[in-house]
Amino acid sequence: MELMEEERIKLQNEIDSMIAVLATPVSDNDIIEIDAGGKIFRALRSTLCRVAPADTMFSCMFSGRPEEDTLLIRDDHGRVFLDHDPELIEIIVNFLRTRKIEKLSSKPVRSPKVPEGKKDEFESLLHYFGLTDFFYPPLPVSLTLDIANMDVVQPNGFAVHAAKSKNKIQLTKASGRNYMTNHMYFLASKPSLDNSKPSLDNSRHGSFWKVTIDVLPDRHWVYLGIGAVDKSFEDSSSYGWSCGSGVWLGGSKLNGTSGWTEFTEGESLYFHLKLNKLIMFSVQKNRRFVIDIAKSRMDREYYIDFNLYDPGNKISLEPLSKDEREYLLLED
C-alpha cells in the first residue's frame, strides 16, 4: 500500500507539472536560462528559436511545446542543461542574436569565428542540432565556377594552351619564333553557352574565383581582371590589374600606382566580383586591392579575362574553396 501511495503521488506530481506547463502561455519574449557544462546563459526564446522549430532540433528544444519540454534535461534550478562545451554553445547563441538584427545592419552577417582546435567539434555540434546550413549556407550555384563546363575564348588565335581538368584550367603561353604574332594574346574564360547564366554573377552574393601565377618570366606581361568576350583589356568593359602598366579602369590605364605592387611568381590571388566592386586579395602579400566599377556599367555581362604576352607565362584558374571564400570575406 505504501509503494502504491508513493507511485500515486509521483504520478500526480507529473500530472500537475504537465498541467502547469500547459497553463503557462509561451511567448517569444520569455527569458530562457541554459546551463551549458556549468556556464549559465540567458536568452530570449525568439533568439533560441531563430530558425523555425520544424527545421532544427535546437529550436524544438526551446519552442515551449509540452512534448519537447518533457524531454529536456534540467539542472537543480530548473535550467535547461546542455552537456556540451560552453564556449561552443556561447558561439551558437551569440550568432543567433546577431542574425536577429541582420536586417538592421548594412553588412551581411558572416559565419562566426571558432577557435582553431575546436572547428571539427563545432561542426559536429551544428550537425547534431541541425544548424549547419543556417551557420554555413551552401554557396549558390552562381558563386561556384563550374570549371568542367567553362570555355576559353582566344580571339587572336590559339597561342595559349589551355589544359582543363574537372576543377582547374591551366593556361600556358606558347613559345616559338612566331609567339608575337597578333601582338598580345587576349583570353576570356567563361561558362559554356548552354549555361542558363553564362556570365559572372554581379548581384548580391557575387562571384568568386582563384588565380595562381605559376610561371612568370623576367620580361613579362600578365593582365588579370574582368571584361566582355572578344574584347581586349583596352575595351571599356575591362577592369583589372597587370604587370608593367598597373591598374585598368574601364579600358583606361589609371595614373599612379594606387598601391599596386605588381604580380609575383607563385602568387595566389582570390577574386570577388560583387555589385560595383572587383576585389583581388593576394595571399602571399596579405594585401587587398579594390577596383570600383562605374554604376553605368554594372548591368553588363562580365567574364573572367586574361592577357598573356611572353612565352612561358603560366597561370591557373580554380574555384575558391569554402575556407578560402570565408578568408576573403573576412578581409572584405
C-alpha atoms as a PDB file:
ATOM      1  CA  MET A   1       0.000   0.000   0.000  1.00  0.00           C
ATOM      2  CA  GLU A   2       2.844   2.369   0.853  1.00  0.00           C
ATOM      3  CA  LEU A   3       4.519   1.675  -2.515  1.00  0.00           C
ATOM      4  CA  MET A   4       1.252   2.224  -4.316  1.00  0.00           C
ATOM      5  CA  GLU A   5       0.760   5.517  -2.498  1.00  0.00           C
ATOM      6  CA  GLU A   6       4.266   6.663  -3.450  1.00  0.00           C
ATOM      7  CA  GLU A   7       3.613   5.814  -7.103  1.00  0.00           C
ATOM      8  CA  ARG A   8       0.279   7.645  -6.971  1.00  0.00           C
ATOM      9  CA  ILE A   9       1.925  10.775  -5.540  1.00  0.00           C
ATOM     10  CA  LYS A  10       4.700  10.607  -8.136  1.00  0.00           C
ATOM     11  CA  LEU A  11       2.192  10.270 -10.960  1.00  0.00           C
ATOM     12  CA  GLN A  12       0.100  13.128  -9.587  1.00  0.00           C
ATOM     13  CA  ASN A  13       3.171  15.369  -9.421  1.00  0.00           C
ATOM     14  CA  GLU A  14       3.925  14.609 -13.057  1.00  0.00           C
ATOM     15  CA  ILE A  15       0.336  15.397 -13.995  1.00  0.00           C
ATOM     16  CA  ASP A  16       0.477  18.648 -12.039  1.00  0.00           C
ATOM     17  CA  SER A  17       3.732  19.588 -13.783  1.00  0.00           C
ATOM     18  CA  MET A  18       2.219  18.905 -17.167  1.00  0.00           C
ATOM     19  CA  ILE A  19      -0.888  20.954 -16.327  1.00  0.00           C
ATOM     20  CA  ALA A  20       1.369  23.807 -15.181  1.00  0.00           C
ATOM     21  CA  VAL A  21       3.285  23.692 -18.465  1.00  0.00           C
ATOM     22  CA  LEU A  22       0.082  23.650 -20.490  1.00  0.00           C
ATOM     23  CA  ALA A  23      -1.318  26.521 -18.448  1.00  0.00           C
ATOM     24  CA  THR A  24       1.762  28.677 -18.904  1.00  0.00           C
ATOM     25  CA  PRO A  25       1.475  30.829 -22.032  1.00  0.00           C
ATOM     26  CA  VAL A  26       4.516  30.662 -24.305  1.00  0.00           C
ATOM     27  CA  SER A  27       5.920  33.984 -25.514  1.00  0.00           C
ATOM     28  CA  ASP A  28       8.796  34.947 -27.810  1.00  0.00           C
ATOM     29  CA  ASN A  29       9.864  37.316 -25.043  1.00  0.00           C
ATOM     30  CA  ASP A  30      10.275  34.552 -22.447  1.00  0.00           C
ATOM     31  CA  ILE A  31      13.768  34.576 -20.948  1.00  0.00           C
ATOM     32  CA  ILE A  32      15.272  31.099 -21.106  1.00  0.00           C
ATOM     33  CA  GLU A  33      18.165  30.040 -18.905  1.00  0.00           C
ATOM     34  CA  ILE A  34      20.641  27.457 -20.183  1.00  0.00           C
ATOM     35  CA  ASP A  35      23.201  25.569 -18.131  1.00  0.00           C
ATOM     36  CA  ALA A  36      25.945  24.552 -20.596  1.00  0.00           C
ATOM     37  CA  GLY A  37      28.511  22.462 -18.770  1.00  0.00           C
ATOM     38  CA  GLY A  38      28.152  24.657 -15.707  1.00  0.00           C
ATOM     39  CA  LYS A  39      28.140  28.038 -17.504  1.00  0.00           C
ATOM     40  CA  ILE A  40      24.821  29.890 -17.430  1.00  0.00           C
ATOM     41  CA  PHE A  41      23.382  31.676 -20.470  1.00  0.00           C
ATOM     42  CA  ARG A  42      20.217  33.721 -20.686  1.00  0.00           C
ATOM     43  CA  ALA A  43      18.464  34.474 -23.966  1.00  0.00           C
ATOM     44  CA  LEU A  44      15.031  35.244 -25.328  1.00  0.00           C
ATOM     45  CA  ARG A  45      13.007  32.346 -26.653  1.00  0.00           C
ATOM     46  CA  SER A  46      12.777  34.186 -30.007  1.00  0.00           C
ATOM     47  CA  THR A  47      16.590  34.190 -30.185  1.00  0.00           C
ATOM     48  CA  LEU A  48      16.947  30.477 -29.486  1.00  0.00           C
ATOM     49  CA  CYS A  49      14.166  29.711 -31.959  1.00  0.00           C
ATOM     50  CA  ARG A  50      15.592  31.988 -34.667  1.00  0.00           C
ATOM     51  CA  VAL A  51      15.466  29.014 -37.045  1.00  0.00           C
ATOM     52  CA  ALA A  52      11.986  27.529 -37.494  1.00  0.00           C
ATOM     53  CA  PRO A  53      11.419  24.792 -34.841  1.00  0.00           C
ATOM     54  CA  ALA A  54      10.274  22.378 -37.526  1.00  0.00           C
ATOM     55  CA  ASP A  55      13.714  22.616 -39.128  1.00  0.00           C
ATOM     56  CA  THR A  56      16.138  22.164 -36.241  1.00  0.00           C
ATOM     57  CA  MET A  57      16.489  20.164 -33.080  1.00  0.00           C
ATOM     58  CA  PHE A  58      17.902  23.243 -31.333  1.00  0.00           C
ATOM     59  CA  SER A  59      14.790  25.357 -31.910  1.00  0.00           C
ATOM     60  CA  CYS A  60      12.490  22.487 -30.920  1.00  0.00           C
ATOM     61  CA  MET A  61      14.208  22.251 -27.554  1.00  0.00           C
ATOM     62  CA  PHE A  62      13.248  25.823 -26.690  1.00  0.00           C
ATOM     63  CA  SER A  63       9.922  26.083 -28.511  1.00  0.00           C
ATOM     64  CA  GLY A  64       7.923  25.644 -25.287  1.00  0.00           C
ATOM     65  CA  ARG A  65       5.879  22.799 -26.734  1.00  0.00           C
ATOM     66  CA  PRO A  66       4.916  20.322 -23.970  1.00  0.00           C
ATOM     67  CA  GLU A  67       6.054  17.262 -25.911  1.00  0.00           C
ATOM     68  CA  GLU A  68       9.522  18.794 -26.288  1.00  0.00           C
ATOM     69  CA  ASP A  69       9.748  20.276 -22.797  1.00  0.00           C
ATOM     70  CA  THR A  70       9.252  16.924 -21.072  1.00  0.00           C
ATOM     71  CA  LEU A  71      12.295  15.518 -22.903  1.00  0.00           C
ATOM     72  CA  LEU A  72      14.685  18.214 -21.724  1.00  0.00           C
ATOM     73  CA  ILE A  73      17.261  17.574 -19.018  1.00  0.00           C
ATOM     74  CA  ARG A  74      17.253  20.232 -16.334  1.00  0.00           C
ATOM     75  CA  ASP A  75      19.699  21.142 -13.590  1.00  0.00           C
ATOM     76  CA  ASP A  76      18.826  21.614  -9.907  1.00  0.00           C
ATOM     77  CA  HIS A  77      17.498  25.119 -10.630  1.00  0.00           C
ATOM     78  CA  GLY A  78      15.230  24.084 -13.482  1.00  0.00           C
ATOM     79  CA  ARG A  79      17.525  25.414 -16.218  1.00  0.00           C
ATOM     80  CA  VAL A  80      17.835  23.507 -19.482  1.00  0.00           C
ATOM     81  CA  PHE A  81      21.050  21.521 -19.189  1.00  0.00           C
ATOM     82  CA  LEU A  82      23.257  21.026 -22.264  1.00  0.00           C
ATOM     83  CA  ASP A  83      26.170  18.655 -21.777  1.00  0.00           C
ATOM     84  CA  HIS A  84      28.367  20.397 -24.346  1.00  0.00           C
ATOM     85  CA  ASP A  85      31.380  22.717 -24.469  1.00  0.00           C
ATOM     86  CA  PRO A  86      30.091  26.051 -23.064  1.00  0.00           C
ATOM     87  CA  GLU A  87      32.370  28.040 -25.395  1.00  0.00           C
ATOM     88  CA  LEU A  88      30.736  26.469 -28.439  1.00  0.00           C
ATOM     89  CA  ILE A  89      27.214  26.940 -27.047  1.00  0.00           C
ATOM     90  CA  GLU A  90      28.061  30.605 -26.445  1.00  0.00           C
ATOM     91  CA  ILE A  91      29.155  30.970 -30.084  1.00  0.00           C
ATOM     92  CA  ILE A  92      25.844  29.469 -31.222  1.00  0.00           C
ATOM     93  CA  VAL A  93      23.713  31.708 -29.003  1.00  0.00           C
ATOM     94  CA  ASN A  94      25.647  34.872 -29.926  1.00  0.00           C
ATOM     95  CA  PHE A  95      25.373  34.119 -33.644  1.00  0.00           C
ATOM     96  CA  LEU A  96      21.610  33.629 -33.289  1.00  0.00           C
ATOM     97  CA  ARG A  97      21.454  37.033 -31.575  1.00  0.00           C
ATOM     98  CA  THR A  98      23.397  38.649 -34.402  1.00  0.00           C
ATOM     99  CA  ARG A  99      21.193  37.126 -37.086  1.00  0.00           C
ATOM    100  CA  LYS A 100      18.113  38.583 -35.360  1.00  0.00           C
ATOM    101  CA  ILE A 101      19.289  42.118 -36.159  1.00  0.00           C
ATOM    102  CA  GLU A 102      20.806  41.327 -39.566  1.00  0.00           C
ATOM    103  CA  LYS A 103      18.197  43.355 -41.450  1.00  0.00           C
ATOM    104  CA  LEU A 104      19.098  46.444 -39.425  1.00  0.00           C
ATOM    105  CA  SER A 105      22.764  46.207 -40.411  1.00  0.00           C
ATOM    106  CA  SER A 106      24.260  47.453 -43.673  1.00  0.00           C
ATOM    107  CA  LYS A 107      26.614  44.468 -43.828  1.00  0.00           C
ATOM    108  CA  PRO A 108      25.745  40.773 -44.153  1.00  0.00           C
ATOM    109  CA  VAL A 109      26.438  38.631 -41.090  1.00  0.00           C
ATOM    110  CA  ARG A 110      29.453  36.411 -41.535  1.00  0.00           C
ATOM    111  CA  SER A 111      29.855  32.940 -40.130  1.00  0.00           C
ATOM    112  CA  PRO A 112      31.294  33.024 -36.591  1.00  0.00           C
ATOM    113  CA  LYS A 113      34.954  32.622 -35.734  1.00  0.00           C
ATOM    114  CA  VAL A 114      35.695  29.353 -33.959  1.00  0.00           C
ATOM    115  CA  PRO A 115      38.915  28.515 -32.066  1.00  0.00           C
ATOM    116  CA  GLU A 116      41.232  26.603 -34.404  1.00  0.00           C
ATOM    117  CA  GLY A 117      41.348  23.472 -32.257  1.00  0.00           C
ATOM    118  CA  LYS A 118      37.563  23.269 -31.914  1.00  0.00           C
ATOM    119  CA  LYS A 119      36.372  23.610 -35.522  1.00  0.00           C
ATOM    120  CA  ASP A 120      35.652  19.910 -36.014  1.00  0.00           C
ATOM    121  CA  GLU A 121      33.804  19.703 -32.687  1.00  0.00           C
ATOM    122  CA  PHE A 122      31.796  22.825 -33.560  1.00  0.00           C
ATOM    123  CA  GLU A 123      30.788  21.450 -36.960  1.00  0.00           C
ATOM    124  CA  SER A 124      29.706  18.181 -35.314  1.00  0.00           C
ATOM    125  CA  LEU A 125      27.647  20.133 -32.778  1.00  0.00           C
ATOM    126  CA  LEU A 126      25.941  22.147 -35.532  1.00  0.00           C
ATOM    127  CA  HIS A 127      25.115  18.927 -37.345  1.00  0.00           C
ATOM    128  CA  TYR A 128      23.680  17.439 -34.122  1.00  0.00           C
ATOM    129  CA  PHE A 129      21.471  20.496 -33.547  1.00  0.00           C
ATOM    130  CA  GLY A 130      20.503  20.794 -37.232  1.00  0.00           C
ATOM    131  CA  LEU A 131      22.076  24.236 -37.599  1.00  0.00           C
ATOM    132  CA  THR A 132      24.770  23.606 -40.219  1.00  0.00           C
ATOM    133  CA  ASP A 133      23.023  25.275 -43.173  1.00  0.00           C
ATOM    134  CA  PHE A 134      21.973  28.220 -41.008  1.00  0.00           C
ATOM    135  CA  PHE A 135      25.561  28.906 -39.914  1.00  0.00           C
ATOM    136  CA  TYR A 136      27.236  27.955 -43.194  1.00  0.00           C
ATOM    137  CA  PRO A 137      24.726  28.342 -46.032  1.00  0.00           C
ATOM    138  CA  PRO A 138      25.696  26.385 -49.131  1.00  0.00           C
ATOM    139  CA  LEU A 139      27.077  28.538 -51.915  1.00  0.00           C
ATOM    140  CA  PRO A 140      24.527  29.437 -54.571  1.00  0.00           C
ATOM    141  CA  VAL A 141      25.305  27.785 -57.888  1.00  0.00           C
ATOM    142  CA  SER A 142      26.200  31.170 -59.356  1.00  0.00           C
ATOM    143  CA  LEU A 143      29.059  31.584 -56.857  1.00  0.00           C
ATOM    144  CA  THR A 144      30.872  28.397 -57.761  1.00  0.00           C
ATOM    145  CA  LEU A 145      32.784  28.109 -61.012  1.00  0.00           C
ATOM    146  CA  ASP A 146      31.821  25.031 -62.974  1.00  0.00           C
ATOM    147  CA  ILE A 147      35.299  24.559 -64.407  1.00  0.00           C
ATOM    148  CA  ALA A 148      34.390  21.427 -66.359  1.00  0.00           C
ATOM    149  CA  ASN A 149      31.785  23.397 -68.343  1.00  0.00           C
ATOM    150  CA  MET A 150      33.799  26.555 -68.939  1.00  0.00           C
ATOM    151  CA  ASP A 151      35.143  27.604 -72.325  1.00  0.00           C
ATOM    152  CA  VAL A 152      38.336  29.517 -73.085  1.00  0.00           C
ATOM    153  CA  VAL A 153      37.968  32.028 -75.922  1.00  0.00           C
ATOM    154  CA  GLN A 154      41.042  33.220 -77.855  1.00  0.00           C
ATOM    155  CA  PRO A 155      40.024  35.868 -80.400  1.00  0.00           C
ATOM    156  CA  ASN A 156      43.619  36.269 -81.640  1.00  0.00           C
ATOM    157  CA  GLY A 157      44.304  32.614 -82.357  1.00  0.00           C
ATOM    158  CA  PHE A 158      45.456  29.754 -80.185  1.00  0.00           C
ATOM    159  CA  ALA A 159      48.859  30.851 -78.921  1.00  0.00           C
ATOM    160  CA  VAL A 160      47.856  29.938 -75.383  1.00  0.00           C
ATOM    161  CA  HIS A 161      47.464  26.284 -74.470  1.00  0.00           C
ATOM    162  CA  ALA A 162      44.508  25.584 -72.165  1.00  0.00           C
ATOM    163  CA  ALA A 163      44.755  22.367 -70.134  1.00  0.00           C
ATOM    164  CA  LYS A 164      41.401  21.751 -68.465  1.00  0.00           C
ATOM    165  CA  SER A 165      40.527  19.284 -65.718  1.00  0.00           C
ATOM    166  CA  LYS A 166      37.454  18.979 -63.512  1.00  0.00           C
ATOM    167  CA  ASN A 167      38.495  21.748 -61.089  1.00  0.00           C
ATOM    168  CA  LYS A 168      41.284  23.648 -62.857  1.00  0.00           C
ATOM    169  CA  ILE A 169      42.145  25.393 -66.110  1.00  0.00           C
ATOM    170  CA  GLN A 170      45.879  25.961 -66.610  1.00  0.00           C
ATOM    171  CA  LEU A 171      46.869  28.446 -69.312  1.00  0.00           C
ATOM    172  CA  THR A 172      50.375  28.437 -70.801  1.00  0.00           C
ATOM    173  CA  LYS A 173      51.648  30.956 -73.358  1.00  0.00           C
ATOM    174  CA  ALA A 174      53.230  29.033 -76.222  1.00  0.00           C
ATOM    175  CA  SER A 175      56.879  29.552 -77.120  1.00  0.00           C
ATOM    176  CA  GLY A 176      58.457  29.682 -80.555  1.00  0.00           C
ATOM    177  CA  ARG A 177      59.576  32.126 -83.199  1.00  0.00           C
ATOM    178  CA  ASN A 178      56.090  33.379 -84.005  1.00  0.00           C
ATOM    179  CA  TYR A 179      54.906  33.943 -80.457  1.00  0.00           C
ATOM    180  CA  MET A 180      54.424  37.701 -81.068  1.00  0.00           C
ATOM    181  CA  THR A 181      52.002  37.203 -83.951  1.00  0.00           C
ATOM    182  CA  ASN A 182      48.842  39.275 -83.315  1.00  0.00           C
ATOM    183  CA  HIS A 183      50.753  41.063 -80.560  1.00  0.00           C
ATOM    184  CA  MET A 184      49.159  40.395 -77.177  1.00  0.00           C
ATOM    185  CA  TYR A 185      47.008  37.313 -76.727  1.00  0.00           C
ATOM    186  CA  PHE A 186      43.755  38.030 -75.014  1.00  0.00           C
ATOM    187  CA  LEU A 187      41.691  35.278 -73.403  1.00  0.00           C
ATOM    188  CA  ALA A 188      38.221  35.307 -71.918  1.00  0.00           C
ATOM    189  CA  SER A 189      37.293  32.373 -69.727  1.00  0.00           C
ATOM    190  CA  LYS A 190      33.559  31.919 -69.462  1.00  0.00           C
ATOM    191  CA  PRO A 191      30.872  29.279 -68.762  1.00  0.00           C
ATOM    192  CA  SER A 192      29.649  27.333 -71.774  1.00  0.00           C
ATOM    193  CA  LEU A 193      26.962  28.910 -73.914  1.00  0.00           C
ATOM    194  CA  ASP A 194      24.387  26.291 -72.891  1.00  0.00           C
ATOM    195  CA  ASN A 195      24.611  27.508 -69.278  1.00  0.00           C
ATOM    196  CA  SER A 196      21.464  29.362 -68.188  1.00  0.00           C
ATOM    197  CA  LYS A 197      23.646  32.065 -66.596  1.00  0.00           C
ATOM    198  CA  PRO A 198      26.693  32.325 -68.847  1.00  0.00           C
ATOM    199  CA  SER A 199      28.237  35.463 -67.360  1.00  0.00           C
ATOM    200  CA  LEU A 200      29.615  36.132 -63.892  1.00  0.00           C
ATOM    201  CA  ASP A 201      27.086  36.905 -61.176  1.00  0.00           C
ATOM    202  CA  ASN A 202      27.414  40.556 -60.207  1.00  0.00           C
ATOM    203  CA  SER A 203      24.440  40.567 -57.795  1.00  0.00           C
ATOM    204  CA  ARG A 204      24.082  40.449 -54.011  1.00  0.00           C
ATOM    205  CA  HIS A 205      26.383  37.445 -53.475  1.00  0.00           C
ATOM    206  CA  GLY A 206      28.721  37.980 -56.394  1.00  0.00           C
ATOM    207  CA  SER A 207      31.198  35.541 -57.940  1.00  0.00           C
ATOM    208  CA  PHE A 208      34.422  34.082 -56.559  1.00  0.00           C
ATOM    209  CA  TRP A 209      37.458  32.593 -58.286  1.00  0.00           C
ATOM    210  CA  LYS A 210      41.157  31.950 -57.717  1.00  0.00           C
ATOM    211  CA  VAL A 211      44.152  32.590 -59.984  1.00  0.00           C
ATOM    212  CA  THR A 212      47.674  31.309 -59.327  1.00  0.00           C
ATOM    213  CA  ILE A 213      50.706  32.787 -61.130  1.00  0.00           C
ATOM    214  CA  ASP A 214      52.524  29.520 -61.811  1.00  0.00           C
ATOM    215  CA  VAL A 215      55.337  30.851 -64.033  1.00  0.00           C
ATOM    216  CA  LEU A 216      56.236  34.499 -64.626  1.00  0.00           C
ATOM    217  CA  PRO A 217      59.201  35.115 -66.977  1.00  0.00           C
ATOM    218  CA  ASP A 218      61.574  38.025 -66.372  1.00  0.00           C
ATOM    219  CA  ARG A 219      60.214  40.044 -69.293  1.00  0.00           C
ATOM    220  CA  HIS A 220      56.581  39.710 -68.553  1.00  0.00           C
ATOM    221  CA  TRP A 221      53.076  40.961 -69.200  1.00  0.00           C
ATOM    222  CA  VAL A 222      50.098  39.445 -67.413  1.00  0.00           C
ATOM    223  CA  TYR A 223      46.675  41.034 -67.127  1.00  0.00           C
ATOM    224  CA  LEU A 224      44.012  39.640 -64.775  1.00  0.00           C
ATOM    225  CA  GLY A 225      40.519  41.022 -64.402  1.00  0.00           C
ATOM    226  CA  ILE A 226      37.049  41.029 -65.954  1.00  0.00           C
ATOM    227  CA  GLY A 227      35.608  42.147 -69.264  1.00  0.00           C
ATOM    228  CA  ALA A 228      33.433  41.268 -72.221  1.00  0.00           C
ATOM    229  CA  VAL A 229      34.076  38.324 -74.520  1.00  0.00           C
ATOM    230  CA  ASP A 230      36.132  39.113 -77.639  1.00  0.00           C
ATOM    231  CA  LYS A 231      37.338  42.445 -76.193  1.00  0.00           C
ATOM    232  CA  SER A 232      40.837  43.417 -75.068  1.00  0.00           C
ATOM    233  CA  PHE A 233      41.891  44.988 -71.767  1.00  0.00           C
ATOM    234  CA  GLU A 234      41.684  48.375 -73.545  1.00  0.00           C
ATOM    235  CA  ASP A 235      37.925  47.990 -74.033  1.00  0.00           C
ATOM    236  CA  SER A 236      35.563  49.996 -71.810  1.00  0.00           C
ATOM    237  CA  SER A 237      34.205  46.736 -70.351  1.00  0.00           C
ATOM    238  CA  SER A 238      37.572  45.767 -68.822  1.00  0.00           C
ATOM    239  CA  TYR A 239      38.673  46.221 -65.206  1.00  0.00           C
ATOM    240  CA  GLY A 240      41.783  44.617 -63.739  1.00  0.00           C
ATOM    241  CA  TRP A 241      45.474  44.643 -62.900  1.00  0.00           C
ATOM    242  CA  SER A 242      48.589  43.994 -64.970  1.00  0.00           C
ATOM    243  CA  CYS A 243      52.338  43.706 -64.644  1.00  0.00           C
ATOM    244  CA  GLY A 244      54.154  46.589 -66.232  1.00  0.00           C
ATOM    245  CA  SER A 245      51.292  49.058 -66.594  1.00  0.00           C
ATOM    246  CA  GLY A 246      49.311  48.856 -63.349  1.00  0.00           C
ATOM    247  CA  VAL A 247      45.570  49.262 -62.871  1.00  0.00           C
ATOM    248  CA  TRP A 248      42.985  49.426 -65.669  1.00  0.00           C
ATOM    249  CA  LEU A 249      39.570  51.026 -65.178  1.00  0.00           C
ATOM    250  CA  GLY A 250      37.029  50.753 -67.985  1.00  0.00           C
ATOM    251  CA  GLY A 251      39.807  50.151 -70.522  1.00  0.00           C
ATOM    252  CA  SER A 252      41.895  53.119 -69.383  1.00  0.00           C
ATOM    253  CA  LYS A 253      45.166  52.961 -67.516  1.00  0.00           C
ATOM    254  CA  LEU A 254      44.998  54.530 -64.060  1.00  0.00           C
ATOM    255  CA  ASN A 255      47.537  57.279 -63.490  1.00  0.00           C
ATOM    256  CA  GLY A 256      49.694  56.459 -60.478  1.00  0.00           C
ATOM    257  CA  THR A 257      50.143  53.121 -58.809  1.00  0.00           C
ATOM    258  CA  SER A 258      47.215  53.328 -56.339  1.00  0.00           C
ATOM    259  CA  GLY A 259      49.182  50.994 -54.075  1.00  0.00           C
ATOM    260  CA  TRP A 260      49.583  48.379 -56.805  1.00  0.00           C
ATOM    261  CA  THR A 261      52.543  46.050 -56.181  1.00  0.00           C
ATOM    262  CA  GLU A 262      52.751  44.004 -59.426  1.00  0.00           C
ATOM    263  CA  PHE A 263      52.357  40.223 -59.681  1.00  0.00           C
ATOM    264  CA  THR A 264      54.996  37.768 -58.488  1.00  0.00           C
ATOM    265  CA  GLU A 265      55.673  34.163 -59.439  1.00  0.00           C
ATOM    266  CA  GLY A 266      53.868  31.675 -57.208  1.00  0.00           C
ATOM    267  CA  GLU A 267      51.326  34.271 -56.057  1.00  0.00           C
ATOM    268  CA  SER A 268      47.777  33.082 -55.207  1.00  0.00           C
ATOM    269  CA  LEU A 269      45.034  35.622 -55.840  1.00  0.00           C
ATOM    270  CA  TYR A 270      41.441  35.422 -54.593  1.00  0.00           C
ATOM    271  CA  PHE A 271      38.907  37.379 -56.656  1.00  0.00           C
ATOM    272  CA  HIS A 272      35.420  38.556 -55.710  1.00  0.00           C
ATOM    273  CA  LEU A 273      33.128  40.427 -58.086  1.00  0.00           C
ATOM    274  CA  LYS A 274      30.195  41.912 -56.206  1.00  0.00           C
ATOM    275  CA  LEU A 275      27.855  44.733 -57.218  1.00  0.00           C
ATOM    276  CA  ASN A 276      30.093  47.653 -58.190  1.00  0.00           C
ATOM    277  CA  LYS A 277      33.415  46.297 -56.903  1.00  0.00           C
ATOM    278  CA  LEU A 278      36.114  43.928 -58.134  1.00  0.00           C
ATOM    279  CA  ILE A 279      38.253  42.728 -55.220  1.00  0.00           C
ATOM    280  CA  MET A 280      41.563  40.903 -55.513  1.00  0.00           C
ATOM    281  CA  PHE A 281      43.327  39.554 -52.415  1.00  0.00           C
ATOM    282  CA  SER A 282      46.971  38.429 -52.559  1.00  0.00           C
ATOM    283  CA  VAL A 283      47.583  35.602 -50.092  1.00  0.00           C
ATOM    284  CA  GLN A 284      51.382  35.907 -50.092  1.00  0.00           C
ATOM    285  CA  LYS A 285      51.385  39.697 -49.715  1.00  0.00           C
ATOM    286  CA  ASN A 286      48.353  39.720 -47.407  1.00  0.00           C
ATOM    287  CA  ARG A 287      47.097  42.721 -49.355  1.00  0.00           C
ATOM    288  CA  ARG A 288      43.709  43.597 -50.754  1.00  0.00           C
ATOM    289  CA  PHE A 289      43.195  45.572 -53.955  1.00  0.00           C
ATOM    290  CA  VAL A 290      39.831  47.059 -54.958  1.00  0.00           C
ATOM    291  CA  ILE A 291      38.522  48.478 -58.224  1.00  0.00           C
ATOM    292  CA  ASP A 292      35.252  50.426 -58.306  1.00  0.00           C
ATOM    293  CA  ILE A 293      33.140  49.683 -61.363  1.00  0.00           C
ATOM    294  CA  ALA A 294      31.144  52.550 -62.839  1.00  0.00           C
ATOM    295  CA  LYS A 295      27.466  52.181 -61.945  1.00  0.00           C
ATOM    296  CA  SER A 296      26.527  52.812 -65.565  1.00  0.00           C
ATOM    297  CA  ARG A 297      28.410  49.628 -66.485  1.00  0.00           C
ATOM    298  CA  MET A 298      27.149  47.337 -63.731  1.00  0.00           C
ATOM    299  CA  ASP A 299      24.445  45.801 -65.919  1.00  0.00           C
ATOM    300  CA  ARG A 300      26.946  44.406 -68.448  1.00  0.00           C
ATOM    301  CA  GLU A 301      27.757  40.740 -68.782  1.00  0.00           C
ATOM    302  CA  TYR A 302      31.228  40.175 -67.363  1.00  0.00           C
ATOM    303  CA  TYR A 303      33.618  37.273 -67.844  1.00  0.00           C
ATOM    304  CA  ILE A 304      36.986  36.354 -66.330  1.00  0.00           C
ATOM    305  CA  ASP A 305      39.686  37.895 -68.535  1.00  0.00           C
ATOM    306  CA  PHE A 306      43.345  37.084 -69.044  1.00  0.00           C
ATOM    307  CA  ASN A 307      46.095  38.571 -71.188  1.00  0.00           C
ATOM    308  CA  LEU A 308      49.342  36.638 -71.546  1.00  0.00           C
ATOM    309  CA  TYR A 309      52.223  38.054 -73.581  1.00  0.00           C
ATOM    310  CA  ASP A 310      55.545  36.312 -73.004  1.00  0.00           C
ATOM    311  CA  PRO A 311      56.267  32.689 -73.878  1.00  0.00           C
ATOM    312  CA  GLY A 312      56.330  30.509 -70.786  1.00  0.00           C
ATOM    313  CA  ASN A 313      53.721  32.559 -68.893  1.00  0.00           C
ATOM    314  CA  LYS A 314      51.599  30.074 -66.982  1.00  0.00           C
ATOM    315  CA  ILE A 315      48.574  30.717 -64.756  1.00  0.00           C
ATOM    316  CA  SER A 316      45.834  28.541 -63.247  1.00  0.00           C
ATOM    317  CA  LEU A 317      42.140  29.258 -62.716  1.00  0.00           C
ATOM    318  CA  GLU A 318      40.242  27.434 -59.963  1.00  0.00           C
ATOM    319  CA  PRO A 319      37.077  27.900 -57.883  1.00  0.00           C
ATOM    320  CA  LEU A 320      37.548  29.177 -54.345  1.00  0.00           C
ATOM    321  CA  SER A 321      37.017  26.605 -51.618  1.00  0.00           C
ATOM    322  CA  LYS A 322      34.650  27.355 -48.747  1.00  0.00           C
ATOM    323  CA  ASP A 323      37.551  28.174 -46.410  1.00  0.00           C
ATOM    324  CA  GLU A 324      39.217  30.431 -48.995  1.00  0.00           C
ATOM    325  CA  ARG A 325      35.936  32.237 -49.603  1.00  0.00           C
ATOM    326  CA  GLU A 326      35.440  32.762 -45.867  1.00  0.00           C
ATOM    327  CA  TYR A 327      39.007  34.079 -45.556  1.00  0.00           C
ATOM    328  CA  LEU A 328      38.436  36.512 -48.423  1.00  0.00           C
ATOM    329  CA  LEU A 329      35.205  37.786 -46.867  1.00  0.00           C
ATOM    330  CA  LEU A 330      36.967  38.349 -43.532  1.00  0.00           C
ATOM    331  CA  GLU A 331      39.363  40.652 -45.357  1.00  0.00           C
ATOM    332  CA  ASP A 332      36.489  42.421 -47.111  1.00  0.00           C
END
